[in-house]
PDB file of N, CA and C in Angstrom:
ATOM      1  N   UNK A   1      96.231 109.393 127.890  1.00  0.00           N
ATOM      2  CA  UNK A   1      96.299 108.718 126.401  1.00  0.00           C
ATOM      3  C   UNK A   1      97.310 107.964 126.797  1.00  0.00           C
ATOM      4  N   UNK A   2      96.991 106.996 125.752  1.00  0.00           N
ATOM      5  CA  UNK A   2      97.378 105.480 125.509  1.00  0.00           C
ATOM      6  C   UNK A   2      97.914 105.499 123.804  1.00  0.00           C
ATOM      7  N   UNK A   3      99.588 104.357 124.189  1.00  0.00           N
ATOM      8  CA  UNK A   3      99.790 104.499 122.945  1.00  0.00           C
ATOM      9  C   UNK A   3      99.304 102.854 122.042  1.00  0.00           C
ATOM     10  N   UNK A   4      99.441 103.322 120.588  1.00  0.00           N
ATOM     11  CA  UNK A   4      99.091 102.657 119.973  1.00  0.00           C
ATOM     12  C   UNK A   4      99.838 102.394 118.674  1.00  0.00           C
ATOM     13  N   UNK A   5      99.592 101.341 117.842  1.00  0.00           N
ATOM     14  CA  UNK A   5     100.323 100.977 116.696  1.00  0.00           C
ATOM     15  C   UNK A   5      99.492 100.322 115.586  1.00  0.00           C
ATOM     16  N   UNK A   6      99.225 101.096 114.767  1.00  0.00           N
ATOM     17  CA  UNK A   6      98.397 100.923 113.560  1.00  0.00           C
ATOM     18  C   UNK A   6      99.364 100.373 112.194  1.00  0.00           C
ATOM     19  N   UNK A   7      99.170  99.373 111.688  1.00  0.00           N
ATOM     20  CA  UNK A   7      99.375  98.360 110.368  1.00  0.00           C
ATOM     21  C   UNK A   7      98.459  98.469 109.549  1.00  0.00           C
ATOM     22  N   UNK A   8      98.821  99.132 108.569  1.00  0.00           N
ATOM     23  CA  UNK A   8      97.935  99.003 107.319  1.00  0.00           C
ATOM     24  C   UNK A   8      98.774  98.600 105.917  1.00  0.00           C
ATOM     25  N   UNK A   9      98.083  97.881 105.097  1.00  0.00           N
ATOM     26  CA  UNK A   9      98.272  97.698 103.627  1.00  0.00           C
ATOM     27  C   UNK A   9      97.834  98.212 102.781  1.00  0.00           C
ATOM     28  N   UNK A  10      98.723  98.890 101.881  1.00  0.00           N
ATOM     29  CA  UNK A  10      97.502 100.310 100.821  1.00  0.00           C
ATOM     30  C   UNK A  10      97.818  99.259  99.356  1.00  0.00           C
ATOM     31  N   UNK A  11      97.128  99.512  98.626  1.00  0.00           N
ATOM     32  CA  UNK A  11      97.015  98.886  97.530  1.00  0.00           C
ATOM     33  C   UNK A  11      98.304  99.613  96.429  1.00  0.00           C
ATOM     34  N   UNK A  12      98.816  98.356  95.623  1.00  0.00           N
ATOM     35  CA  UNK A  12     100.253  98.565  95.309  1.00  0.00           C
ATOM     36  C   UNK A  12     100.570  99.839  94.230  1.00  0.00           C
ATOM     37  N   UNK A  13      98.842 100.307  93.852  1.00  0.00           N
ATOM     38  CA  UNK A  13      98.806 100.909  92.488  1.00  0.00           C
ATOM     39  C   UNK A  13      98.917 102.310  92.848  1.00  0.00           C
ATOM     40  N   UNK A  14      98.753 102.935  94.085  1.00  0.00           N
ATOM     41  CA  UNK A  14      98.839 104.065  94.707  1.00  0.00           C
ATOM     42  C   UNK A  14     100.083 104.897  94.177  1.00  0.00           C
ATOM     43  N   UNK A  15     100.172 105.934  93.938  1.00  0.00           N
ATOM     44  CA  UNK A  15     101.654 106.319  93.740  1.00  0.00           C
ATOM     45  C   UNK A  15     101.636 107.446  94.895  1.00  0.00           C
ATOM     46  N   UNK A  16     102.702 108.130  94.912  1.00  0.00           N
ATOM     47  CA  UNK A  16     103.835 108.626  96.268  1.00  0.00           C
ATOM     48  C   UNK A  16     102.566 109.839  96.663  1.00  0.00           C
ATOM     49  N   UNK A  17     102.356 110.716  95.906  1.00  0.00           N
ATOM     50  CA  UNK A  17     101.466 111.416  96.079  1.00  0.00           C
ATOM     51  C   UNK A  17      99.975 111.286  97.368  1.00  0.00           C
ATOM     52  N   UNK A  18      99.489 110.021  96.379  1.00  0.00           N
ATOM     53  CA  UNK A  18      98.360 109.485  97.167  1.00  0.00           C
ATOM     54  C   UNK A  18      98.669 108.911  98.388  1.00  0.00           C
ATOM     55  N   UNK A  19     100.264 108.225  98.851  1.00  0.00           N
ATOM     56  CA  UNK A  19     100.206 108.065  99.782  1.00  0.00           C
ATOM     57  C   UNK A  19     100.718 108.519 101.035  1.00  0.00           C
ATOM     58  N   UNK A  20     101.233 109.974 100.781  1.00  0.00           N
ATOM     59  CA  UNK A  20     101.248 111.584 101.239  1.00  0.00           C
ATOM     60  C   UNK A  20     100.132 111.584 101.599  1.00  0.00           C
ATOM     61  N   UNK A  21      98.934 111.878 100.889  1.00  0.00           N
ATOM     62  CA  UNK A  21      97.801 112.476 101.027  1.00  0.00           C
ATOM     63  C   UNK A  21      96.997 111.870 102.343  1.00  0.00           C
ATOM     64  N   UNK A  22      97.100 110.188 102.237  1.00  0.00           N
ATOM     65  CA  UNK A  22      96.695 109.478 103.407  1.00  0.00           C
ATOM     66  C   UNK A  22      97.204 109.419 104.536  1.00  0.00           C
ATOM     67  N   UNK A  23      98.490 109.444 104.663  1.00  0.00           N
ATOM     68  CA  UNK A  23      99.173 109.285 105.781  1.00  0.00           C
ATOM     69  C   UNK A  23      99.205 111.033 106.432  1.00  0.00           C
ATOM     70  N   UNK A  24      99.021 112.281 105.407  1.00  0.00           N
ATOM     71  CA  UNK A  24      98.217 113.296 106.449  1.00  0.00           C
ATOM     72  C   UNK A  24      97.307 113.312 106.694  1.00  0.00           C
ATOM     73  N   UNK A  25      96.052 112.831 106.386  1.00  0.00           N
ATOM     74  CA  UNK A  25      94.888 112.618 106.618  1.00  0.00           C
ATOM     75  C   UNK A  25      94.864 111.894 107.882  1.00  0.00           C
ATOM     76  N   UNK A  26      95.800 110.483 108.046  1.00  0.00           N
ATOM     77  CA  UNK A  26      95.733 109.900 109.042  1.00  0.00           C
ATOM     78  C   UNK A  26      96.494 110.337 110.625  1.00  0.00           C
ATOM     79  N   UNK A  27      97.229 111.731 110.472  1.00  0.00           N
ATOM     80  CA  UNK A  27      98.121 112.412 110.951  1.00  0.00           C
ATOM     81  C   UNK A  27      97.214 113.610 111.719  1.00  0.00           C
ATOM     82  N   UNK A  28      96.021 113.791 110.423  1.00  0.00           N
ATOM     83  CA  UNK A  28      95.382 114.760 110.577  1.00  0.00           C
ATOM     84  C   UNK A  28      94.157 114.524 112.060  1.00  0.00           C
ATOM     85  N   UNK A  29      93.667 113.205 111.750  1.00  0.00           N
ATOM     86  CA  UNK A  29      93.262 112.627 112.618  1.00  0.00           C
ATOM     87  C   UNK A  29      93.738 111.952 113.796  1.00  0.00           C
ATOM     88  N   UNK A  30      94.732 111.836 113.782  1.00  0.00           N
ATOM     89  CA  UNK A  30      95.545 111.397 115.315  1.00  0.00           C
ATOM     90  C   UNK A  30      95.436 112.649 115.935  1.00  0.00           C
ATOM     91  N   UNK A  31      96.065 113.699 115.348  1.00  0.00           N
ATOM     92  CA  UNK A  31      96.506 115.197 116.276  1.00  0.00           C
ATOM     93  C   UNK A  31      94.984 115.805 116.396  1.00  0.00           C
ATOM     94  N   UNK A  32      94.343 115.708 115.967  1.00  0.00           N
ATOM     95  CA  UNK A  32      92.731 116.382 116.281  1.00  0.00           C
ATOM     96  C   UNK A  32      92.407 116.378 117.975  1.00  0.00           C
ATOM     97  N   UNK A  33      92.733 115.634 118.553  1.00  0.00           N
ATOM     98  CA  UNK A  33      92.266 116.045 120.228  1.00  0.00           C
ATOM     99  C   UNK A  33      93.365 115.649 120.566  1.00  0.00           C
ATOM    100  N   UNK A  34      94.595 116.307 120.504  1.00  0.00           N
ATOM    101  CA  UNK A  34      95.716 116.503 120.961  1.00  0.00           C
ATOM    102  C   UNK A  34      96.535 115.161 120.769  1.00  0.00           C
ATOM    103  N   UNK A  35      96.624 114.253 119.925  1.00  0.00           N
ATOM    104  CA  UNK A  35      97.463 112.884 119.811  1.00  0.00           C
ATOM    105  C   UNK A  35      98.642 113.282 118.866  1.00  0.00           C
ATOM    106  N   UNK A  36      99.352 112.150 118.733  1.00  0.00           N
ATOM    107  CA  UNK A  36     100.482 112.671 118.598  1.00  0.00           C
ATOM    108  C   UNK A  36     101.237 111.719 117.727  1.00  0.00           C
ATOM    109  N   UNK A  37     101.474 111.716 116.352  1.00  0.00           N
ATOM    110  CA  UNK A  37     102.269 110.337 115.842  1.00  0.00           C
ATOM    111  C   UNK A  37     103.533 110.572 116.018  1.00  0.00           C
ATOM    112  N   UNK A  38     103.962 109.169 116.552  1.00  0.00           N
ATOM    113  CA  UNK A  38     105.710 109.325 116.730  1.00  0.00           C
ATOM    114  C   UNK A  38     106.516 108.813 115.866  1.00  0.00           C
ATOM    115  N   UNK A  39     106.264 107.703 115.378  1.00  0.00           N
ATOM    116  CA  UNK A  39     106.961 106.820 114.264  1.00  0.00           C
ATOM    117  C   UNK A  39     106.252 106.486 113.015  1.00  0.00           C
ATOM    118  N   UNK A  40     107.045 106.841 111.848  1.00  0.00           N
ATOM    119  CA  UNK A  40     106.526 105.893 110.793  1.00  0.00           C
ATOM    120  C   UNK A  40     107.316 104.935 109.782  1.00  0.00           C
ATOM    121  N   UNK A  41     106.858 103.651 109.665  1.00  0.00           N
ATOM    122  CA  UNK A  41     107.847 103.236 109.070  1.00  0.00           C
ATOM    123  C   UNK A  41     106.836 102.577 107.561  1.00  0.00           C
ATOM    124  N   UNK A  42     107.506 102.876 106.606  1.00  0.00           N
ATOM    125  CA  UNK A  42     107.310 102.452 105.194  1.00  0.00           C
ATOM    126  C   UNK A  42     108.182 100.936 105.313  1.00  0.00           C
ATOM    127  N   UNK A  43     107.677 100.033 105.150  1.00  0.00           N
ATOM    128  CA  UNK A  43     108.041  98.445 104.734  1.00  0.00           C
ATOM    129  C   UNK A  43     108.254  98.173 103.391  1.00  0.00           C
ATOM    130  N   UNK A  44     107.514  99.018 102.451  1.00  0.00           N
ATOM    131  CA  UNK A  44     107.170  98.470 101.183  1.00  0.00           C
ATOM    132  C   UNK A  44     106.691  97.542 100.740  1.00  0.00           C
ATOM    133  N   UNK A  45     106.564  97.412  99.782  1.00  0.00           N
ATOM    134  CA  UNK A  45     105.822  95.795  99.265  1.00  0.00           C
ATOM    135  C   UNK A  45     106.047  94.495  99.535  1.00  0.00           C
ATOM    136  N   UNK A  46     104.548  94.056 100.213  1.00  0.00           N
ATOM    137  CA  UNK A  46     104.750  92.646 100.743  1.00  0.00           C
ATOM    138  C   UNK A  46     104.030  91.848  99.710  1.00  0.00           C
ATOM    139  N   UNK A  47     103.899  90.446  99.627  1.00  0.00           N
ATOM    140  CA  UNK A  47     103.089  89.730  99.447  1.00  0.00           C
ATOM    141  C   UNK A  47     102.329  89.277 100.475  1.00  0.00           C
ATOM    142  N   UNK A  48     100.987  88.748 100.052  1.00  0.00           N
ATOM    143  CA  UNK A  48      99.972  88.482 100.836  1.00  0.00           C
ATOM    144  C   UNK A  48      99.853  87.226 101.069  1.00  0.00           C
ATOM    145  N   UNK A  49      99.418  86.309 102.202  1.00  0.00           N
ATOM    146  CA  UNK A  49      99.791  85.214 102.157  1.00  0.00           C
ATOM    147  C   UNK A  49      98.323  84.160 101.404  1.00  0.00           C
ATOM    148  N   UNK A  50      97.470  85.176 101.274  1.00  0.00           N
ATOM    149  CA  UNK A  50      96.070  85.053 100.048  1.00  0.00           C
ATOM    150  C   UNK A  50      95.511  86.223  99.607  1.00  0.00           C
ATOM    151  N   UNK A  51      94.737  86.299  98.719  1.00  0.00           N
ATOM    152  CA  UNK A  51      94.285  87.286  97.924  1.00  0.00           C
ATOM    153  C   UNK A  51      93.209  88.147  99.115  1.00  0.00           C
ATOM    154  N   UNK A  52      93.421  89.256  99.215  1.00  0.00           N
ATOM    155  CA  UNK A  52      92.583  90.179  99.989  1.00  0.00           C
ATOM    156  C   UNK A  52      92.102  91.318  99.357  1.00  0.00           C
ATOM    157  N   UNK A  53      90.614  91.184  98.937  1.00  0.00           N
ATOM    158  CA  UNK A  53      90.132  92.222  98.102  1.00  0.00           C
ATOM    159  C   UNK A  53      90.654  91.879  96.799  1.00  0.00           C
ATOM    160  N   UNK A  54      90.811  90.711  95.878  1.00  0.00           N
ATOM    161  CA  UNK A  54      91.818  90.701  94.716  1.00  0.00           C
ATOM    162  C   UNK A  54      93.058  91.395  94.658  1.00  0.00           C
ATOM    163  N   UNK A  55      93.391  91.575  95.799  1.00  0.00           N
ATOM    164  CA  UNK A  55      94.848  92.081  95.849  1.00  0.00           C
ATOM    165  C   UNK A  55      95.777  90.615  96.151  1.00  0.00           C
ATOM    166  N   UNK A  56      97.210  90.548  95.787  1.00  0.00           N
ATOM    167  CA  UNK A  56      98.001  89.611  95.991  1.00  0.00           C
ATOM    168  C   UNK A  56      99.219  90.312  96.604  1.00  0.00           C
ATOM    169  N   UNK A  57      99.114  91.377  96.722  1.00  0.00           N
ATOM    170  CA  UNK A  57     100.230  92.177  97.581  1.00  0.00           C
ATOM    171  C   UNK A  57     100.272  93.560  97.655  1.00  0.00           C
ATOM    172  N   UNK A  58     100.260  93.854  98.852  1.00  0.00           N
ATOM    173  CA  UNK A  58     100.453  95.460  99.424  1.00  0.00           C
ATOM    174  C   UNK A  58     101.601  96.167  99.711  1.00  0.00           C
ATOM    175  N   UNK A  59     101.487  97.424  99.645  1.00  0.00           N
ATOM    176  CA  UNK A  59     102.198  98.585 100.469  1.00  0.00           C
ATOM    177  C   UNK A  59     102.245  98.642 101.777  1.00  0.00           C
ATOM    178  N   UNK A  60     103.178  98.035 102.740  1.00  0.00           N
ATOM    179  CA  UNK A  60     102.549  98.309 104.248  1.00  0.00           C
ATOM    180  C   UNK A  60     103.447  99.195 104.697  1.00  0.00           C
ATOM    181  N   UNK A  61     102.754  99.785 105.808  1.00  0.00           N
ATOM    182  CA  UNK A  61     103.212 100.852 106.490  1.00  0.00           C
ATOM    183  C   UNK A  61     102.786 100.683 108.315  1.00  0.00           C
ATOM    184  N   UNK A  62     103.683 101.074 108.917  1.00  0.00           N
ATOM    185  CA  UNK A  62     103.385 100.865 110.505  1.00  0.00           C
ATOM    186  C   UNK A  62     103.547 102.242 110.916  1.00  0.00           C
ATOM    187  N   UNK A  63     102.294 103.025 112.064  1.00  0.00           N
ATOM    188  CA  UNK A  63     102.173 104.228 112.266  1.00  0.00           C
ATOM    189  C   UNK A  63     102.711 104.035 113.879  1.00  0.00           C
ATOM    190  N   UNK A  64     103.311 104.708 114.622  1.00  0.00           N
ATOM    191  CA  UNK A  64     102.903 104.372 116.125  1.00  0.00           C
ATOM    192  C   UNK A  64     102.534 105.878 116.912  1.00  0.00           C
ATOM    193  N   UNK A  65     101.434 106.055 117.727  1.00  0.00           N
ATOM    194  CA  UNK A  65     101.171 106.745 117.833  1.00  0.00           C
ATOM    195  C   UNK A  65     100.805 106.772 119.298  1.00  0.00           C
ATOM    196  N   UNK A  66     100.404 107.939 119.828  1.00  0.00           N
ATOM    197  CA  UNK A  66      99.683 108.274 121.239  1.00  0.00           C
ATOM    198  C   UNK A  66      98.366 109.213 121.059  1.00  0.00           C
ATOM    199  N   UNK A  67      97.281 108.776 121.698  1.00  0.00           N
ATOM    200  CA  UNK A  67      95.697 109.296 121.255  1.00  0.00           C
ATOM    201  C   UNK A  67      95.024 108.645 122.607  1.00  0.00           C
ATOM    202  N   UNK A  68      93.783 110.029 123.083  1.00  0.00           N
ATOM    203  CA  UNK A  68      92.810 109.280 124.132  1.00  0.00           C
ATOM    204  C   UNK A  68      92.125 107.947 123.471  1.00  0.00           C
ATOM    205  N   UNK A  69      91.823 107.230 124.445  1.00  0.00           N
ATOM    206  CA  UNK A  69      91.189 105.623 124.046  1.00  0.00           C
ATOM    207  C   UNK A  69      89.882 105.993 123.244  1.00  0.00           C
ATOM    208  N   UNK A  70      89.380 107.213 123.767  1.00  0.00           N
ATOM    209  CA  UNK A  70      88.469 107.270 123.619  1.00  0.00           C
ATOM    210  C   UNK A  70      87.997 107.558 121.785  1.00  0.00           C
ATOM    211  N   UNK A  71      89.031 108.516 121.464  1.00  0.00           N
ATOM    212  CA  UNK A  71      89.500 108.489 119.424  1.00  0.00           C
ATOM    213  C   UNK A  71      90.016 107.584 118.913  1.00  0.00           C
ATOM    214  N   UNK A  72      90.045 106.335 119.423  1.00  0.00           N
ATOM    215  CA  UNK A  72      90.469 105.229 118.442  1.00  0.00           C
ATOM    216  C   UNK A  72      89.662 104.809 117.355  1.00  0.00           C
ATOM    217  N   UNK A  73      87.975 104.656 118.005  1.00  0.00           N
ATOM    218  CA  UNK A  73      87.183 104.376 116.804  1.00  0.00           C
ATOM    219  C   UNK A  73      87.311 105.503 115.533  1.00  0.00           C
ATOM    220  N   UNK A  74      87.733 106.502 115.683  1.00  0.00           N
ATOM    221  CA  UNK A  74      87.490 107.537 114.917  1.00  0.00           C
ATOM    222  C   UNK A  74      89.004 107.126 113.869  1.00  0.00           C
ATOM    223  N   UNK A  75      89.817 107.093 114.560  1.00  0.00           N
ATOM    224  CA  UNK A  75      90.749 106.431 113.358  1.00  0.00           C
ATOM    225  C   UNK A  75      91.043 104.952 113.097  1.00  0.00           C
ATOM    226  N   UNK A  76      90.094 104.076 113.506  1.00  0.00           N
ATOM    227  CA  UNK A  76      89.520 102.848 112.862  1.00  0.00           C
ATOM    228  C   UNK A  76      88.654 103.396 112.026  1.00  0.00           C
ATOM    229  N   UNK A  77      87.645 103.739 112.162  1.00  0.00           N
ATOM    230  CA  UNK A  77      86.568 104.643 110.950  1.00  0.00           C
ATOM    231  C   UNK A  77      87.416 105.233 109.848  1.00  0.00           C
ATOM    232  N   UNK A  78      88.285 106.138 110.149  1.00  0.00           N
ATOM    233  CA  UNK A  78      89.177 106.552 108.992  1.00  0.00           C
ATOM    234  C   UNK A  78      89.842 105.433 107.936  1.00  0.00           C
ATOM    235  N   UNK A  79      90.221 104.525 108.525  1.00  0.00           N
ATOM    236  CA  UNK A  79      91.266 103.226 108.049  1.00  0.00           C
ATOM    237  C   UNK A  79      90.343 102.775 107.231  1.00  0.00           C
ATOM    238  N   UNK A  80      89.151 102.523 107.623  1.00  0.00           N
ATOM    239  CA  UNK A  80      88.287 101.767 106.913  1.00  0.00           C
ATOM    240  C   UNK A  80      87.285 102.412 105.668  1.00  0.00           C
ATOM    241  N   UNK A  81      87.220 103.550 105.914  1.00  0.00           N
ATOM    242  CA  UNK A  81      86.743 104.173 104.959  1.00  0.00           C
ATOM    243  C   UNK A  81      87.644 104.717 103.599  1.00  0.00           C
ATOM    244  N   UNK A  82      88.676 104.558 103.708  1.00  0.00           N
ATOM    245  CA  UNK A  82      89.322 104.766 102.606  1.00  0.00           C
ATOM    246  C   UNK A  82      89.918 103.729 101.469  1.00  0.00           C
ATOM    247  N   UNK A  83      89.736 103.874 100.393  1.00  0.00           N
ATOM    248  CA  UNK A  83      89.611 102.949  99.126  1.00  0.00           C
ATOM    249  C   UNK A  83      90.876 102.283  98.757  1.00  0.00           C
ATOM    250  N   UNK A  84      91.843 103.454  99.275  1.00  0.00           N
ATOM    251  CA  UNK A  84      93.451 102.766  99.157  1.00  0.00           C
ATOM    252  C   UNK A  84      93.533 101.846  99.951  1.00  0.00           C
ATOM    253  N   UNK A  85      93.362 101.593 100.911  1.00  0.00           N
ATOM    254  CA  UNK A  85      93.759 100.720 102.186  1.00  0.00           C
ATOM    255  C   UNK A  85      92.771  99.205 101.973  1.00  0.00           C
ATOM    256  N   UNK A  86      93.967  98.607 101.919  1.00  0.00           N
ATOM    257  CA  UNK A  86      93.230  97.058 101.733  1.00  0.00           C
ATOM    258  C   UNK A  86      92.949  96.191 102.839  1.00  0.00           C
ATOM    259  N   UNK A  87      94.075  96.718 103.897  1.00  0.00           N
ATOM    260  CA  UNK A  87      93.507  96.046 105.484  1.00  0.00           C
ATOM    261  C   UNK A  87      94.342  96.664 106.290  1.00  0.00           C
ATOM    262  N   UNK A  88      93.964  96.827 107.314  1.00  0.00           N
ATOM    263  CA  UNK A  88      94.383  97.510 108.646  1.00  0.00           C
ATOM    264  C   UNK A  88      94.018  96.700 109.986  1.00  0.00           C
ATOM    265  N   UNK A  89      95.201  97.278 110.596  1.00  0.00           N
ATOM    266  CA  UNK A  89      94.735  96.688 112.388  1.00  0.00           C
ATOM    267  C   UNK A  89      95.699  97.195 113.183  1.00  0.00           C
ATOM    268  N   UNK A  90      94.995  97.775 114.277  1.00  0.00           N
ATOM    269  CA  UNK A  90      95.389  98.555 115.265  1.00  0.00           C
ATOM    270  C   UNK A  90      95.431  97.849 116.731  1.00  0.00           C
ATOM    271  N   UNK A  91      96.575  98.243 117.407  1.00  0.00           N
ATOM    272  CA  UNK A  91      96.895  97.323 118.576  1.00  0.00           C
ATOM    273  C   UNK A  91      97.231  98.447 119.276  1.00  0.00           C
ATOM    274  N   UNK A  92      97.325  98.237 120.593  1.00  0.00           N
ATOM    275  CA  UNK A  92      97.726  99.060 121.855  1.00  0.00           C
ATOM    276  C   UNK A  92      98.562  98.517 122.269  1.00  0.00           C
ATOM    277  N   UNK A  93      99.432  99.239 122.569  1.00  0.00           N
ATOM    278  CA  UNK A  93     100.702  99.059 123.470  1.00  0.00           C
ATOM    279  C   UNK A  93     101.163  99.725 124.767  1.00  0.00           C
ATOM    280  N   UNK A  94     101.777  98.721 125.834  1.00  0.00           N
ATOM    281  CA  UNK A  94     102.042  99.129 127.013  1.00  0.00           C
ATOM    282  C   UNK A  94     102.501 100.216 126.859  1.00  0.00           C
ATOM    283  N   UNK A  95     103.609 100.813 126.248  1.00  0.00           N
ATOM    284  CA  UNK A  95     104.812 101.582 126.133  1.00  0.00           C
ATOM    285  C   UNK A  95     105.084 102.464 125.056  1.00  0.00           C
ATOM    286  N   UNK A  96     105.631 103.215 125.000  1.00  0.00           N
ATOM    287  CA  UNK A  96     105.977 104.213 123.960  1.00  0.00           C
ATOM    288  C   UNK A  96     107.048 102.880 123.171  1.00  0.00           C
ATOM    289  N   UNK A  97     107.335 103.177 121.667  1.00  0.00           N
ATOM    290  CA  UNK A  97     108.070 102.733 120.949  1.00  0.00           C
ATOM    291  C   UNK A  97     109.505 102.951 120.982  1.00  0.00           C
ATOM    292  N   UNK A  98     110.227 102.135 121.151  1.00  0.00           N
ATOM    293  CA  UNK A  98     111.618 102.310 121.342  1.00  0.00           C
ATOM    294  C   UNK A  98     112.600 102.955 120.174  1.00  0.00           C
ATOM    295  N   UNK A  99     113.143 103.943 120.220  1.00  0.00           N
ATOM    296  CA  UNK A  99     113.965 104.670 119.185  1.00  0.00           C
ATOM    297  C   UNK A  99     114.542 103.408 118.673  1.00  0.00           C
ATOM    298  N   UNK A 100     115.234 103.586 117.426  1.00  0.00           N
ATOM    299  CA  UNK A 100     115.890 102.722 116.509  1.00  0.00           C
ATOM    300  C   UNK A 100     117.225 103.187 117.303  1.00  0.00           C
ATOM    301  N   UNK A 101     118.537 102.213 117.320  1.00  0.00           N
ATOM    302  CA  UNK A 101     119.478 102.111 117.759  1.00  0.00           C
ATOM    303  C   UNK A 101     120.615 101.998 117.092  1.00  0.00           C
ATOM    304  N   UNK A 102     121.498 102.669 116.716  1.00  0.00           N
ATOM    305  CA  UNK A 102     122.879 102.330 115.879  1.00  0.00           C
ATOM    306  C   UNK A 102     122.959 101.262 116.087  1.00  0.00           C
ATOM    307  N   UNK A 103     123.858 100.649 114.708  1.00  0.00           N
ATOM    308  CA  UNK A 103     124.494  99.186 115.102  1.00  0.00           C
ATOM    309  C   UNK A 103     125.410  98.802 116.140  1.00  0.00           C
ATOM    310  N   UNK A 104     126.228  99.375 116.765  1.00  0.00           N
ATOM    311  CA  UNK A 104     126.643  99.107 117.814  1.00  0.00           C
ATOM    312  C   UNK A 104     126.066  98.840 118.717  1.00  0.00           C
ATOM    313  N   UNK A 105     125.186  99.999 119.263  1.00  0.00           N
ATOM    314  CA  UNK A 105     124.126  99.815 120.364  1.00  0.00           C
ATOM    315  C   UNK A 105     123.465  98.966 120.548  1.00  0.00           C
ATOM    316  N   UNK A 106     123.166  98.390 119.276  1.00  0.00           N
ATOM    317  CA  UNK A 106     121.850  97.236 119.446  1.00  0.00           C
ATOM    318  C   UNK A 106     122.700  95.649 120.001  1.00  0.00           C
ATOM    319  N   UNK A 107     124.058  95.740 119.568  1.00  0.00           N
ATOM    320  CA  UNK A 107     124.375  94.763 120.203  1.00  0.00           C
ATOM    321  C   UNK A 107     125.109  94.549 121.573  1.00  0.00           C
ATOM    322  N   UNK A 108     124.984  95.976 122.372  1.00  0.00           N
ATOM    323  CA  UNK A 108     125.572  96.234 123.400  1.00  0.00           C
ATOM    324  C   UNK A 108     127.162  96.880 123.326  1.00  0.00           C
ATOM    325  N   UNK A 109     127.439  97.426 122.264  1.00  0.00           N
ATOM    326  CA  UNK A 109     129.095  97.566 122.017  1.00  0.00           C
ATOM    327  C   UNK A 109     128.796  99.264 121.421  1.00  0.00           C
ATOM    328  N   UNK A 110     129.867  99.959 122.241  1.00  0.00           N
ATOM    329  CA  UNK A 110     129.712 101.341 122.257  1.00  0.00           C
ATOM    330  C   UNK A 110     130.475 101.569 120.757  1.00  0.00           C
ATOM    331  N   UNK A 111     131.283 100.603 120.188  1.00  0.00           N
ATOM    332  CA  UNK A 111     132.320 100.722 119.160  1.00  0.00           C
ATOM    333  C   UNK A 111     131.696  99.200 118.148  1.00  0.00           C
ATOM    334  N   UNK A 112     131.713  99.593 116.687  1.00  0.00           N
ATOM    335  CA  UNK A 112     131.609  98.325 116.041  1.00  0.00           C
ATOM    336  C   UNK A 112     132.845  97.361 116.064  1.00  0.00           C
ATOM    337  N   UNK A 113     132.485  96.149 116.070  1.00  0.00           N
ATOM    338  CA  UNK A 113     133.452  95.222 116.012  1.00  0.00           C
ATOM    339  C   UNK A 113     134.225  94.968 114.838  1.00  0.00           C
ATOM    340  N   UNK A 114     135.634  95.013 114.610  1.00  0.00           N
ATOM    341  CA  UNK A 114     136.126  94.484 113.697  1.00  0.00           C
ATOM    342  C   UNK A 114     136.380  92.965 113.312  1.00  0.00           C
ATOM    343  N   UNK A 115     135.774  92.677 112.397  1.00  0.00           N
ATOM    344  CA  UNK A 115     135.322  91.280 112.210  1.00  0.00           C
ATOM    345  C   UNK A 115     136.747  90.783 111.261  1.00  0.00           C
ATOM    346  N   UNK A 116     137.424  91.288 110.717  1.00  0.00           N
ATOM    347  CA  UNK A 116     138.327  90.728 110.360  1.00  0.00           C
ATOM    348  C   UNK A 116     139.999  90.632 111.342  1.00  0.00           C
ATOM    349  N   UNK A 117     139.657  90.535 112.265  1.00  0.00           N
ATOM    350  CA  UNK A 117     140.518  90.723 113.532  1.00  0.00           C
ATOM    351  C   UNK A 117     140.929  89.264 113.863  1.00  0.00           C
ATOM    352  N   UNK A 118     142.042  88.773 113.966  1.00  0.00           N
ATOM    353  CA  UNK A 118     142.519  87.520 114.226  1.00  0.00           C
ATOM    354  C   UNK A 118     142.550  87.308 115.943  1.00  0.00           C
ATOM    355  N   UNK A 119     141.852  86.146 116.066  1.00  0.00           N
ATOM    356  CA  UNK A 119     141.612  85.913 117.552  1.00  0.00           C
ATOM    357  C   UNK A 119     142.881  85.731 117.775  1.00  0.00           C
ATOM    358  N   UNK A 120     142.710  85.592 119.292  1.00  0.00           N
ATOM    359  CA  UNK A 120     144.152  85.650 120.652  1.00  0.00           C
ATOM    360  C   UNK A 120     144.542  84.269 120.381  1.00  0.00           C
ATOM    361  N   UNK A 121     146.127  84.150 120.270  1.00  0.00           N
ATOM    362  CA  UNK A 121     146.555  82.469 120.394  1.00  0.00           C
ATOM    363  C   UNK A 121     146.632  82.121 121.709  1.00  0.00           C
TER     364      UNK A 121
END
């Protein structure tokens, strides 16, 4: 099994129920052959650099998943066949995505810094 990341832009006119249905379908396709969806990030509405299928902006979603390499085309076909998806991209990752760290951990600190503290004289 290999790690992949799919990023796709949905039409902004889709409601929450339609987005959920689309994501459930994506999860079903990935898990069909023992694949696994690890992380879903909804990045919200962003403007396109240029019009895509007469759309000026899209609701962006990124999904990290693990699946057999032979099944990736099935996922691509699923994304292309959906009317609500304006644009999509799947890339292969060398390693699984890192989990998001707490604020202090990402700076290599065990405790958050006190920015109001006076420096030593």
